[in-house]
Amino acid sequence: MQGFVSSIWLRSRHPAIARARAAVPALAGFAPRRRLKTGDAAQVFAGRLDGQEVVLKLFTGADAPQLAARQADALSARGRRLGTGPWRVPPLLFAAPAAGVLVTALVPGDRLDHLMSAADGPGRDRQLAAAAAWLLAAAEEPSAGAFQARHWARVRGEGLAAHEGPDAPLARALAAHLAAAAPAVHGMRVSRARGHGDFGPQNLIRDGDTLWGLDLGAVAPGPVLKEVARFLVTAAVLAPRPGAPPGPAAADAAALLAVPGMPPAEEAAGLLPFLVGVELAERLVRLRPGTPRAAGIRTALAAYLEGSSRPA
C-alpha cells in the first residue's frame, strides 16, 4: 500500500513533476512509479511514458539548462559508440534542456555497489575489472601531460579553508596534507581522457554481461586516475571491502588498475594517493551533516590522514 500511495502522490502532487509537465508537453503522459534519487543538482524518477519504462531526470537550480544540455550531449556522443556490446549507456529518448529535462530508457540490472557488497573477494574483483573496462570503453580524447598538483592543492585548499562547523579540523588537516604532498608529484606524467565525471559503482548497472553507465557528466578531459579516485572513495562509503581498513581499499585499486589500458603502475603509485585526497576534499566541502553518507566520508578521511588508506 505504501508504494501505491507514494506512486499516486508522485503522479498527482509532486511539484517538480508538475512543473516539468507544464513546461514540456511531451511529458503530459508521464506516470511516475518511484523516485530514484534526490540531490543538489537533480531529482530522478522512474516511470512510464508512451508505453515505455523510462527515467526522468529533472535538473534544478540556475544552471539546470546547462547541466541538462551537457548530459544530453554526453549521452548522444557516447550512445553512438556504446549503443551495443557489453559496455553501454542508456538510450537518450529526448531532452528539453531549457526546462532542465532529460528522459532516458530505464535499463535492467543491479547496481554495481550492491553486487560488490554481495560478492566474495574474487567476485568483487571481477566486478571492479568490469567497471574499469567500461571506463576505458567510454573514454574519449586520450592524451598525456604534466600533472598540475599545485593547482589541485591550491583550489581544494581554498574550499577546505572556508569550511566551517564540526568538520573544520579535518578540513584544515586535509588542506595541509595536500599542500605538503603536491611538490613531490607536481609535473608527473598523467594520463588524461574525457571520462564519466561521476564514476562510481552507484552509477553502473549490471545485467548479465552488459554494464550500463548512468549519469555521465564529464565535459573536459581530466586525469583518468581522478575517475579511479572517485570510484574508490564512493565504494569505501557504499560498499566497503570486507576485511580491509576503513577508507578506499588498496585491493580495490589493484583490481581496477590491473585491467590493460588503465594508467601504468608508476603513474598510479605517485598520483592516486594524492587524487584520493583531492576527491575526499570535494566530498567534505559538499558534506551535509546527518546524511547517511556523512559518517562514511568522515571515516574514510580520518583513515586517509592517518596513512592507513592511501591506495597506490
C-alpha atoms as a PDB file:
ATOM      1  CA  MET A   1       0.000   0.000   0.000  1.00  0.00           C
ATOM      2  CA  GLN A   2       2.809   2.395   0.833  1.00  0.00           C
ATOM      3  CA  GLY A   3       4.292   2.060  -2.674  1.00  0.00           C
ATOM      4  CA  PHE A   4       0.830   2.577  -4.200  1.00  0.00           C
ATOM      5  CA  VAL A   5       0.218   5.727  -2.167  1.00  0.00           C
ATOM      6  CA  SER A   6       3.684   7.009  -2.996  1.00  0.00           C
ATOM      7  CA  SER A   7       3.068   6.433  -6.707  1.00  0.00           C
ATOM      8  CA  ILE A   8      -0.282   8.235  -6.580  1.00  0.00           C
ATOM      9  CA  TRP A   9       1.289  11.161  -4.719  1.00  0.00           C
ATOM     10  CA  LEU A  10       4.152  11.388  -7.208  1.00  0.00           C
ATOM     11  CA  ARG A  11       1.749  11.274 -10.121  1.00  0.00           C
ATOM     12  CA  SER A  12      -0.636  13.926  -8.873  1.00  0.00           C
ATOM     13  CA  ARG A  13       1.183  16.238  -6.487  1.00  0.00           C
ATOM     14  CA  HIS A  14       4.967  16.212  -6.824  1.00  0.00           C
ATOM     15  CA  PRO A  15       5.820  19.850  -7.634  1.00  0.00           C
ATOM     16  CA  ALA A  16       8.894  19.119  -9.758  1.00  0.00           C
ATOM     17  CA  ILE A  17       6.974  16.713 -11.987  1.00  0.00           C
ATOM     18  CA  ALA A  18       4.057  19.147 -12.236  1.00  0.00           C
ATOM     19  CA  ARG A  19       6.413  21.950 -13.334  1.00  0.00           C
ATOM     20  CA  ALA A  20       8.078  19.698 -15.883  1.00  0.00           C
ATOM     21  CA  ARG A  21       4.721  18.647 -17.350  1.00  0.00           C
ATOM     22  CA  ALA A  22       3.695  22.274 -17.658  1.00  0.00           C
ATOM     23  CA  ALA A  23       6.935  23.233 -19.379  1.00  0.00           C
ATOM     24  CA  VAL A  24       7.273  20.175 -21.646  1.00  0.00           C
ATOM     25  CA  PRO A  25       4.021  18.976 -23.270  1.00  0.00           C
ATOM     26  CA  ALA A  26       5.666  15.672 -24.238  1.00  0.00           C
ATOM     27  CA  LEU A  27       5.710  14.768 -20.524  1.00  0.00           C
ATOM     28  CA  ALA A  28       1.943  15.083 -20.115  1.00  0.00           C
ATOM     29  CA  GLY A  29       1.566  11.309 -20.100  1.00  0.00           C
ATOM     30  CA  PHE A  30       4.469  10.568 -17.764  1.00  0.00           C
ATOM     31  CA  ALA A  31       3.336   8.218 -14.977  1.00  0.00           C
ATOM     32  CA  PRO A  32       5.935   8.117 -12.182  1.00  0.00           C
ATOM     33  CA  ARG A  33       6.496   4.860 -10.326  1.00  0.00           C
ATOM     34  CA  ARG A  34       9.191   5.780  -7.827  1.00  0.00           C
ATOM     35  CA  ARG A  35      11.796   8.374  -7.015  1.00  0.00           C
ATOM     36  CA  LEU A  36      15.297   7.077  -7.696  1.00  0.00           C
ATOM     37  CA  LYS A  37      17.462   9.917  -6.466  1.00  0.00           C
ATOM     38  CA  THR A  38      17.305  13.381  -4.959  1.00  0.00           C
ATOM     39  CA  GLY A  39      20.421  15.536  -4.979  1.00  0.00           C
ATOM     40  CA  ASP A  40      21.611  19.109  -5.026  1.00  0.00           C
ATOM     41  CA  ALA A  41      21.573  19.268  -8.818  1.00  0.00           C
ATOM     42  CA  ALA A  42      18.716  16.988  -9.890  1.00  0.00           C
ATOM     43  CA  GLN A  43      15.801  14.759  -8.981  1.00  0.00           C
ATOM     44  CA  VAL A  44      15.421  11.430 -10.779  1.00  0.00           C
ATOM     45  CA  PHE A  45      12.232   9.377 -11.213  1.00  0.00           C
ATOM     46  CA  ALA A  46      11.381   6.047 -12.816  1.00  0.00           C
ATOM     47  CA  GLY A  47       8.053   5.701 -14.597  1.00  0.00           C
ATOM     48  CA  ARG A  48       6.269   5.076 -17.880  1.00  0.00           C
ATOM     49  CA  LEU A  49       5.913   7.361 -20.838  1.00  0.00           C
ATOM     50  CA  ASP A  50       4.199   6.449 -24.094  1.00  0.00           C
ATOM     51  CA  GLY A  51       4.148   2.797 -23.086  1.00  0.00           C
ATOM     52  CA  GLN A  52       7.866   2.607 -22.287  1.00  0.00           C
ATOM     53  CA  GLU A  53       9.749   2.288 -18.994  1.00  0.00           C
ATOM     54  CA  VAL A  54      11.818   5.470 -18.662  1.00  0.00           C
ATOM     55  CA  VAL A  55      13.932   7.541 -16.316  1.00  0.00           C
ATOM     56  CA  LEU A  56      13.039  11.219 -15.971  1.00  0.00           C
ATOM     57  CA  LYS A  57      15.826  13.474 -14.724  1.00  0.00           C
ATOM     58  CA  LEU A  58      14.847  16.982 -13.624  1.00  0.00           C
ATOM     59  CA  PHE A  59      17.782  19.317 -13.134  1.00  0.00           C
ATOM     60  CA  THR A  60      17.368  22.101 -10.590  1.00  0.00           C
ATOM     61  CA  GLY A  61      18.985  25.449  -9.938  1.00  0.00           C
ATOM     62  CA  ALA A  62      20.072  28.344 -12.098  1.00  0.00           C
ATOM     63  CA  ASP A  63      22.405  26.186 -14.204  1.00  0.00           C
ATOM     64  CA  ALA A  64      19.815  23.455 -14.866  1.00  0.00           C
ATOM     65  CA  PRO A  65      19.648  24.164 -18.641  1.00  0.00           C
ATOM     66  CA  GLN A  66      23.423  23.934 -18.972  1.00  0.00           C
ATOM     67  CA  LEU A  67      23.608  20.718 -16.930  1.00  0.00           C
ATOM     68  CA  ALA A  68      20.790  19.115 -18.932  1.00  0.00           C
ATOM     69  CA  ALA A  69      22.370  20.116 -22.242  1.00  0.00           C
ATOM     70  CA  ARG A  70      25.772  18.846 -21.123  1.00  0.00           C
ATOM     71  CA  GLN A  71      24.444  15.444 -20.111  1.00  0.00           C
ATOM     72  CA  ALA A  72      22.313  15.150 -23.252  1.00  0.00           C
ATOM     73  CA  ASP A  73      25.374  15.860 -25.384  1.00  0.00           C
ATOM     74  CA  ALA A  74      27.429  13.305 -23.445  1.00  0.00           C
ATOM     75  CA  LEU A  75      24.758  10.619 -23.839  1.00  0.00           C
ATOM     76  CA  SER A  76      24.310  11.338 -27.526  1.00  0.00           C
ATOM     77  CA  ALA A  77      28.036  11.186 -28.235  1.00  0.00           C
ATOM     78  CA  ARG A  78      28.686   8.058 -26.165  1.00  0.00           C
ATOM     79  CA  GLY A  79      25.498   6.415 -27.388  1.00  0.00           C
ATOM     80  CA  ARG A  80      26.877   6.272 -30.909  1.00  0.00           C
ATOM     81  CA  ARG A  81      29.766   4.130 -29.655  1.00  0.00           C
ATOM     82  CA  LEU A  82      28.186   2.446 -26.639  1.00  0.00           C
ATOM     83  CA  GLY A  83      24.792   1.509 -28.015  1.00  0.00           C
ATOM     84  CA  THR A  84      25.587  -2.194 -28.377  1.00  0.00           C
ATOM     85  CA  GLY A  85      28.018  -4.663 -26.858  1.00  0.00           C
ATOM     86  CA  PRO A  86      28.939  -5.234 -23.218  1.00  0.00           C
ATOM     87  CA  TRP A  87      29.704  -1.592 -22.330  1.00  0.00           C
ATOM     88  CA  ARG A  88      26.748   0.736 -22.818  1.00  0.00           C
ATOM     89  CA  VAL A  89      24.951   3.935 -21.887  1.00  0.00           C
ATOM     90  CA  PRO A  90      21.140   4.226 -21.692  1.00  0.00           C
ATOM     91  CA  PRO A  91      19.437   5.405 -24.875  1.00  0.00           C
ATOM     92  CA  LEU A  92      18.536   9.103 -24.758  1.00  0.00           C
ATOM     93  CA  LEU A  93      14.846   9.357 -25.668  1.00  0.00           C
ATOM     94  CA  PHE A  94      14.546  13.109 -25.620  1.00  0.00           C
ATOM     95  CA  ALA A  95      15.820  16.217 -23.883  1.00  0.00           C
ATOM     96  CA  ALA A  96      14.401  19.658 -23.204  1.00  0.00           C
ATOM     97  CA  PRO A  97      17.465  21.476 -21.834  1.00  0.00           C
ATOM     98  CA  ALA A  98      15.701  24.831 -21.438  1.00  0.00           C
ATOM     99  CA  ALA A  99      13.389  23.159 -18.904  1.00  0.00           C
ATOM    100  CA  GLY A 100      16.174  21.086 -17.343  1.00  0.00           C
ATOM    101  CA  VAL A 101      14.568  17.837 -18.543  1.00  0.00           C
ATOM    102  CA  LEU A 102      16.225  14.630 -19.690  1.00  0.00           C
ATOM    103  CA  VAL A 103      14.481  11.314 -20.469  1.00  0.00           C
ATOM    104  CA  THR A 104      16.330   8.043 -20.994  1.00  0.00           C
ATOM    105  CA  ALA A 105      15.283   4.428 -21.244  1.00  0.00           C
ATOM    106  CA  LEU A 106      15.149   2.548 -17.944  1.00  0.00           C
ATOM    107  CA  VAL A 107      17.812  -0.144 -18.167  1.00  0.00           C
ATOM    108  CA  PRO A 108      17.585  -3.526 -16.412  1.00  0.00           C
ATOM    109  CA  GLY A 109      20.029  -4.919 -13.885  1.00  0.00           C
ATOM    110  CA  ASP A 110      21.568  -4.359 -10.451  1.00  0.00           C
ATOM    111  CA  ARG A 111      23.710  -1.545  -9.150  1.00  0.00           C
ATOM    112  CA  LEU A 112      27.369  -2.486  -9.060  1.00  0.00           C
ATOM    113  CA  ASP A 113      27.829  -1.414  -5.433  1.00  0.00           C
ATOM    114  CA  HIS A 114      25.118  -3.893  -4.425  1.00  0.00           C
ATOM    115  CA  LEU A 115      26.826  -6.655  -6.392  1.00  0.00           C
ATOM    116  CA  MET A 116      30.197  -5.765  -4.882  1.00  0.00           C
ATOM    117  CA  SER A 117      28.761  -5.931  -1.374  1.00  0.00           C
ATOM    118  CA  ALA A 118      27.303  -9.382  -2.004  1.00  0.00           C
ATOM    119  CA  ALA A 119      30.408 -10.852  -3.674  1.00  0.00           C
ATOM    120  CA  ASP A 120      33.397 -12.669  -2.219  1.00  0.00           C
ATOM    121  CA  GLY A 121      36.887 -11.303  -2.891  1.00  0.00           C
ATOM    122  CA  PRO A 122      37.398 -12.773  -6.379  1.00  0.00           C
ATOM    123  CA  GLY A 123      33.829 -11.943  -7.344  1.00  0.00           C
ATOM    124  CA  ARG A 124      34.293  -8.360  -6.187  1.00  0.00           C
ATOM    125  CA  ASP A 125      37.475  -8.091  -8.236  1.00  0.00           C
ATOM    126  CA  ARG A 126      35.604  -9.265 -11.334  1.00  0.00           C
ATOM    127  CA  GLN A 127      33.028  -6.514 -10.811  1.00  0.00           C
ATOM    128  CA  LEU A 128      35.825  -3.978 -10.438  1.00  0.00           C
ATOM    129  CA  ALA A 129      37.520  -5.200 -13.603  1.00  0.00           C
ATOM    130  CA  ALA A 130      34.247  -4.755 -15.493  1.00  0.00           C
ATOM    131  CA  ALA A 131      33.968  -1.194 -14.148  1.00  0.00           C
ATOM    132  CA  ALA A 132      37.464  -0.369 -15.387  1.00  0.00           C
ATOM    133  CA  ALA A 133      36.679  -1.892 -18.789  1.00  0.00           C
ATOM    134  CA  TRP A 134      33.552   0.262 -19.056  1.00  0.00           C
ATOM    135  CA  LEU A 135      35.586   3.383 -18.240  1.00  0.00           C
ATOM    136  CA  LEU A 136      38.156   2.560 -20.910  1.00  0.00           C
ATOM    137  CA  ALA A 137      35.433   1.905 -23.485  1.00  0.00           C
ATOM    138  CA  ALA A 138      33.731   5.218 -22.668  1.00  0.00           C
ATOM    139  CA  ALA A 139      36.923   7.308 -22.619  1.00  0.00           C
ATOM    140  CA  GLU A 140      37.343   9.966 -25.298  1.00  0.00           C
ATOM    141  CA  GLU A 141      40.226  12.245 -26.326  1.00  0.00           C
ATOM    142  CA  PRO A 142      43.016  10.317 -24.563  1.00  0.00           C
ATOM    143  CA  SER A 143      46.263  12.196 -24.047  1.00  0.00           C
ATOM    144  CA  ALA A 144      49.130  12.578 -21.612  1.00  0.00           C
ATOM    145  CA  GLY A 145      50.526  15.649 -19.921  1.00  0.00           C
ATOM    146  CA  ALA A 146      52.166  17.061 -16.825  1.00  0.00           C
ATOM    147  CA  PHE A 147      50.162  16.784 -13.624  1.00  0.00           C
ATOM    148  CA  GLN A 148      49.393  20.174 -12.069  1.00  0.00           C
ATOM    149  CA  ALA A 149      49.414  19.098  -8.433  1.00  0.00           C
ATOM    150  CA  ARG A 150      49.952  22.583  -7.037  1.00  0.00           C
ATOM    151  CA  HIS A 151      46.830  23.796  -8.838  1.00  0.00           C
ATOM    152  CA  TRP A 152      44.741  20.970  -7.373  1.00  0.00           C
ATOM    153  CA  ALA A 153      46.140  21.585  -3.886  1.00  0.00           C
ATOM    154  CA  ARG A 154      45.509  25.333  -4.090  1.00  0.00           C
ATOM    155  CA  VAL A 155      41.921  25.069  -5.373  1.00  0.00           C
ATOM    156  CA  ARG A 156      40.908  22.337  -2.938  1.00  0.00           C
ATOM    157  CA  GLY A 157      42.760  24.092  -0.141  1.00  0.00           C
ATOM    158  CA  GLU A 158      40.724  27.249  -0.680  1.00  0.00           C
ATOM    159  CA  GLY A 159      37.491  25.293  -0.393  1.00  0.00           C
ATOM    160  CA  LEU A 160      38.676  23.464   2.704  1.00  0.00           C
ATOM    161  CA  ALA A 161      39.856  26.695   4.366  1.00  0.00           C
ATOM    162  CA  ALA A 162      36.345  28.133   4.024  1.00  0.00           C
ATOM    163  CA  HIS A 163      34.741  25.021   5.501  1.00  0.00           C
ATOM    164  CA  GLU A 164      33.141  25.659   8.891  1.00  0.00           C
ATOM    165  CA  GLY A 165      31.433  23.567  11.522  1.00  0.00           C
ATOM    166  CA  PRO A 166      32.451  20.385  13.331  1.00  0.00           C
ATOM    167  CA  ASP A 167      34.494  19.103  10.388  1.00  0.00           C
ATOM    168  CA  ALA A 168      36.684  22.216  10.199  1.00  0.00           C
ATOM    169  CA  PRO A 169      39.682  20.500  11.903  1.00  0.00           C
ATOM    170  CA  LEU A 170      39.513  17.652   9.374  1.00  0.00           C
ATOM    171  CA  ALA A 171      39.305  20.187   6.563  1.00  0.00           C
ATOM    172  CA  ARG A 172      42.379  22.079   7.780  1.00  0.00           C
ATOM    173  CA  ALA A 173      44.345  18.854   8.200  1.00  0.00           C
ATOM    174  CA  LEU A 174      43.458  17.684   4.692  1.00  0.00           C
ATOM    175  CA  ALA A 175      44.378  21.054   3.165  1.00  0.00           C
ATOM    176  CA  ALA A 176      47.758  20.916   4.896  1.00  0.00           C
ATOM    177  CA  HIS A 177      48.342  17.363   3.699  1.00  0.00           C
ATOM    178  CA  LEU A 178      47.561  18.207   0.067  1.00  0.00           C
ATOM    179  CA  ALA A 179      49.817  21.268   0.171  1.00  0.00           C
ATOM    180  CA  ALA A 180      52.673  19.215   1.597  1.00  0.00           C
ATOM    181  CA  ALA A 181      52.194  16.333  -0.856  1.00  0.00           C
ATOM    182  CA  ALA A 182      51.840  18.446  -4.015  1.00  0.00           C
ATOM    183  CA  PRO A 183      55.516  19.287  -4.715  1.00  0.00           C
ATOM    184  CA  ALA A 184      56.540  15.610  -4.909  1.00  0.00           C
ATOM    185  CA  VAL A 185      54.007  14.790  -7.632  1.00  0.00           C
ATOM    186  CA  HIS A 186      53.813  18.119  -9.468  1.00  0.00           C
ATOM    187  CA  GLY A 187      54.806  17.678 -13.117  1.00  0.00           C
ATOM    188  CA  MET A 188      54.495  13.883 -13.133  1.00  0.00           C
ATOM    189  CA  ARG A 189      53.190  12.262 -16.289  1.00  0.00           C
ATOM    190  CA  VAL A 190      49.407  11.916 -16.124  1.00  0.00           C
ATOM    191  CA  SER A 191      47.046  10.014 -18.433  1.00  0.00           C
ATOM    192  CA  ARG A 192      44.046  12.119 -19.387  1.00  0.00           C
ATOM    193  CA  ALA A 193      40.724  11.460 -21.101  1.00  0.00           C
ATOM    194  CA  ARG A 194      37.128  12.601 -21.167  1.00  0.00           C
ATOM    195  CA  GLY A 195      35.655  10.042 -18.799  1.00  0.00           C
ATOM    196  CA  HIS A 196      32.447   9.725 -16.823  1.00  0.00           C
ATOM    197  CA  GLY A 197      32.506  12.702 -14.464  1.00  0.00           C
ATOM    198  CA  ASP A 198      30.884  10.853 -11.558  1.00  0.00           C
ATOM    199  CA  PHE A 199      32.421   7.408 -11.926  1.00  0.00           C
ATOM    200  CA  GLY A 200      31.264   5.187  -9.106  1.00  0.00           C
ATOM    201  CA  PRO A 201      29.602   1.821  -8.546  1.00  0.00           C
ATOM    202  CA  GLN A 202      26.244   3.507  -7.861  1.00  0.00           C
ATOM    203  CA  ASN A 203      26.265   4.775 -11.452  1.00  0.00           C
ATOM    204  CA  LEU A 204      26.959   1.388 -13.038  1.00  0.00           C
ATOM    205  CA  ILE A 205      24.178  -1.154 -13.642  1.00  0.00           C
ATOM    206  CA  ARG A 206      24.996  -4.759 -14.474  1.00  0.00           C
ATOM    207  CA  ASP A 207      22.646  -7.008 -16.418  1.00  0.00           C
ATOM    208  CA  GLY A 208      24.382 -10.298 -17.156  1.00  0.00           C
ATOM    209  CA  ASP A 209      27.371  -9.479 -19.353  1.00  0.00           C
ATOM    210  CA  THR A 210      26.191  -5.916 -20.023  1.00  0.00           C
ATOM    211  CA  LEU A 211      27.337  -2.964 -17.916  1.00  0.00           C
ATOM    212  CA  TRP A 212      25.448   0.312 -18.229  1.00  0.00           C
ATOM    213  CA  GLY A 213      26.962   3.657 -17.217  1.00  0.00           C
ATOM    214  CA  LEU A 214      24.487   6.219 -15.859  1.00  0.00           C
ATOM    215  CA  ASP A 215      24.627   9.959 -15.139  1.00  0.00           C
ATOM    216  CA  LEU A 216      27.527  10.925 -17.378  1.00  0.00           C
ATOM    217  CA  GLY A 217      28.695  14.419 -16.590  1.00  0.00           C
ATOM    218  CA  ALA A 218      32.269  14.991 -17.720  1.00  0.00           C
ATOM    219  CA  VAL A 219      32.737  17.982 -20.024  1.00  0.00           C
ATOM    220  CA  ALA A 220      36.523  18.228 -20.336  1.00  0.00           C
ATOM    221  CA  PRO A 221      39.333  15.690 -20.353  1.00  0.00           C
ATOM    222  CA  GLY A 222      40.892  15.105 -16.947  1.00  0.00           C
ATOM    223  CA  PRO A 223      43.156  12.640 -15.162  1.00  0.00           C
ATOM    224  CA  VAL A 224      41.934   9.069 -15.572  1.00  0.00           C
ATOM    225  CA  LEU A 225      43.156   8.425 -12.033  1.00  0.00           C
ATOM    226  CA  LYS A 226      40.781  11.136 -10.790  1.00  0.00           C
ATOM    227  CA  GLU A 227      37.930   8.936 -12.021  1.00  0.00           C
ATOM    228  CA  VAL A 228      39.535   5.979 -10.218  1.00  0.00           C
ATOM    229  CA  ALA A 229      39.880   8.014  -7.024  1.00  0.00           C
ATOM    230  CA  ARG A 230      36.210   8.958  -7.124  1.00  0.00           C
ATOM    231  CA  PHE A 231      35.213   5.339  -7.633  1.00  0.00           C
ATOM    232  CA  LEU A 232      37.358   4.191  -4.692  1.00  0.00           C
ATOM    233  CA  VAL A 233      36.015   6.818  -2.293  1.00  0.00           C
ATOM    234  CA  THR A 234      32.420   6.046  -3.282  1.00  0.00           C
ATOM    235  CA  ALA A 235      33.000   2.303  -2.939  1.00  0.00           C
ATOM    236  CA  ALA A 236      34.513   2.819   0.516  1.00  0.00           C
ATOM    237  CA  VAL A 237      31.298   4.528   1.630  1.00  0.00           C
ATOM    238  CA  LEU A 238      28.652   2.450  -0.175  1.00  0.00           C
ATOM    239  CA  ALA A 239      30.311  -0.969  -0.380  1.00  0.00           C
ATOM    240  CA  PRO A 240      33.371  -1.244   1.897  1.00  0.00           C
ATOM    241  CA  ARG A 241      35.667  -4.159   1.120  1.00  0.00           C
ATOM    242  CA  PRO A 242      35.323  -6.818   3.824  1.00  0.00           C
ATOM    243  CA  GLY A 243      38.435  -7.175   5.949  1.00  0.00           C
ATOM    244  CA  ALA A 244      40.088  -4.027   4.571  1.00  0.00           C
ATOM    245  CA  PRO A 245      40.967  -0.997   6.733  1.00  0.00           C
ATOM    246  CA  PRO A 246      38.441   1.861   6.658  1.00  0.00           C
ATOM    247  CA  GLY A 247      38.540   4.053   3.589  1.00  0.00           C
ATOM    248  CA  PRO A 248      39.460   3.383  -0.056  1.00  0.00           C
ATOM    249  CA  ALA A 249      40.799  -0.162  -0.328  1.00  0.00           C
ATOM    250  CA  ALA A 250      44.200  -0.894  -1.863  1.00  0.00           C
ATOM    251  CA  ALA A 251      42.850  -4.221  -3.152  1.00  0.00           C
ATOM    252  CA  ASP A 252      40.024  -2.412  -4.962  1.00  0.00           C
ATOM    253  CA  ALA A 253      42.538  -0.052  -6.561  1.00  0.00           C
ATOM    254  CA  ALA A 254      44.691  -3.002  -7.642  1.00  0.00           C
ATOM    255  CA  ALA A 255      41.718  -4.726  -9.287  1.00  0.00           C
ATOM    256  CA  LEU A 256      40.760  -1.591 -11.221  1.00  0.00           C
ATOM    257  CA  LEU A 257      44.305  -0.815 -12.339  1.00  0.00           C
ATOM    258  CA  ALA A 258      45.091  -4.384 -13.409  1.00  0.00           C
ATOM    259  CA  VAL A 259      42.899  -4.021 -16.496  1.00  0.00           C
ATOM    260  CA  PRO A 260      45.041  -3.457 -19.629  1.00  0.00           C
ATOM    261  CA  GLY A 261      44.804   0.132 -20.779  1.00  0.00           C
ATOM    262  CA  MET A 262      44.493   1.676 -17.344  1.00  0.00           C
ATOM    263  CA  PRO A 263      47.267   4.082 -16.232  1.00  0.00           C
ATOM    264  CA  PRO A 264      50.602   2.351 -15.568  1.00  0.00           C
ATOM    265  CA  ALA A 265      51.695   1.318 -12.088  1.00  0.00           C
ATOM    266  CA  GLU A 266      54.332   4.032 -11.737  1.00  0.00           C
ATOM    267  CA  GLU A 267      51.813   6.764 -12.505  1.00  0.00           C
ATOM    268  CA  ALA A 268      49.244   5.274 -10.131  1.00  0.00           C
ATOM    269  CA  ALA A 269      51.759   4.875  -7.305  1.00  0.00           C
ATOM    270  CA  GLY A 270      52.644   8.546  -7.497  1.00  0.00           C
ATOM    271  CA  LEU A 271      49.329  10.209  -8.267  1.00  0.00           C
ATOM    272  CA  LEU A 272      46.486   8.049  -6.956  1.00  0.00           C
ATOM    273  CA  PRO A 273      47.104   8.704  -3.221  1.00  0.00           C
ATOM    274  CA  PHE A 274      47.130  12.451  -3.901  1.00  0.00           C
ATOM    275  CA  LEU A 275      43.979  12.310  -6.038  1.00  0.00           C
ATOM    276  CA  VAL A 276      42.139  10.303  -3.397  1.00  0.00           C
ATOM    277  CA  GLY A 277      42.859  13.235  -1.087  1.00  0.00           C
ATOM    278  CA  VAL A 278      41.541  15.640  -3.726  1.00  0.00           C
ATOM    279  CA  GLU A 279      38.356  13.575  -4.021  1.00  0.00           C
ATOM    280  CA  LEU A 280      37.916  13.473  -0.235  1.00  0.00           C
ATOM    281  CA  ALA A 281      38.292  17.252  -0.180  1.00  0.00           C
ATOM    282  CA  GLU A 282      35.483  17.612  -2.729  1.00  0.00           C
ATOM    283  CA  ARG A 283      33.251  15.340  -0.669  1.00  0.00           C
ATOM    284  CA  LEU A 284      33.984  17.131   2.586  1.00  0.00           C
ATOM    285  CA  VAL A 285      33.163  20.622   1.363  1.00  0.00           C
ATOM    286  CA  ARG A 286      29.816  19.366  -0.022  1.00  0.00           C
ATOM    287  CA  LEU A 287      29.018  17.222   3.011  1.00  0.00           C
ATOM    288  CA  ARG A 288      25.614  17.662   4.594  1.00  0.00           C
ATOM    289  CA  PRO A 289      25.804  16.769   8.305  1.00  0.00           C
ATOM    290  CA  GLY A 290      23.438  13.997   9.241  1.00  0.00           C
ATOM    291  CA  THR A 291      23.131  12.474   5.783  1.00  0.00           C
ATOM    292  CA  PRO A 292      23.571   8.700   5.518  1.00  0.00           C
ATOM    293  CA  ARG A 293      26.954   9.019   3.804  1.00  0.00           C
ATOM    294  CA  ALA A 294      28.409  11.616   6.164  1.00  0.00           C
ATOM    295  CA  ALA A 295      29.815   9.108   8.654  1.00  0.00           C
ATOM    296  CA  GLY A 296      31.425   7.077   5.874  1.00  0.00           C
ATOM    297  CA  ILE A 297      33.149  10.132   4.407  1.00  0.00           C
ATOM    298  CA  ARG A 298      34.497  11.149   7.810  1.00  0.00           C
ATOM    299  CA  THR A 299      35.757   7.635   8.474  1.00  0.00           C
ATOM    300  CA  ALA A 300      37.461   7.436   5.084  1.00  0.00           C
ATOM    301  CA  LEU A 301      39.037  10.856   5.553  1.00  0.00           C
ATOM    302  CA  ALA A 302      40.336  10.081   9.032  1.00  0.00           C
ATOM    303  CA  ALA A 303      41.893   6.834   7.766  1.00  0.00           C
ATOM    304  CA  TYR A 304      43.454   8.696   4.831  1.00  0.00           C
ATOM    305  CA  LEU A 305      45.030  11.318   7.077  1.00  0.00           C
ATOM    306  CA  GLU A 306      46.378   8.599   9.361  1.00  0.00           C
ATOM    307  CA  GLY A 307      48.009   6.970   6.357  1.00  0.00           C
ATOM    308  CA  SER A 308      46.175   3.681   6.642  1.00  0.00           C
ATOM    309  CA  SER A 309      44.103   4.188   3.495  1.00  0.00           C
ATOM    310  CA  ARG A 310      46.087   5.680   0.618  1.00  0.00           C
ATOM    311  CA  PRO A 311      45.770   3.191  -2.243  1.00  0.00           C
ATOM    312  CA  ALA A 312      48.589   3.056  -4.758  1.00  0.00           C
END
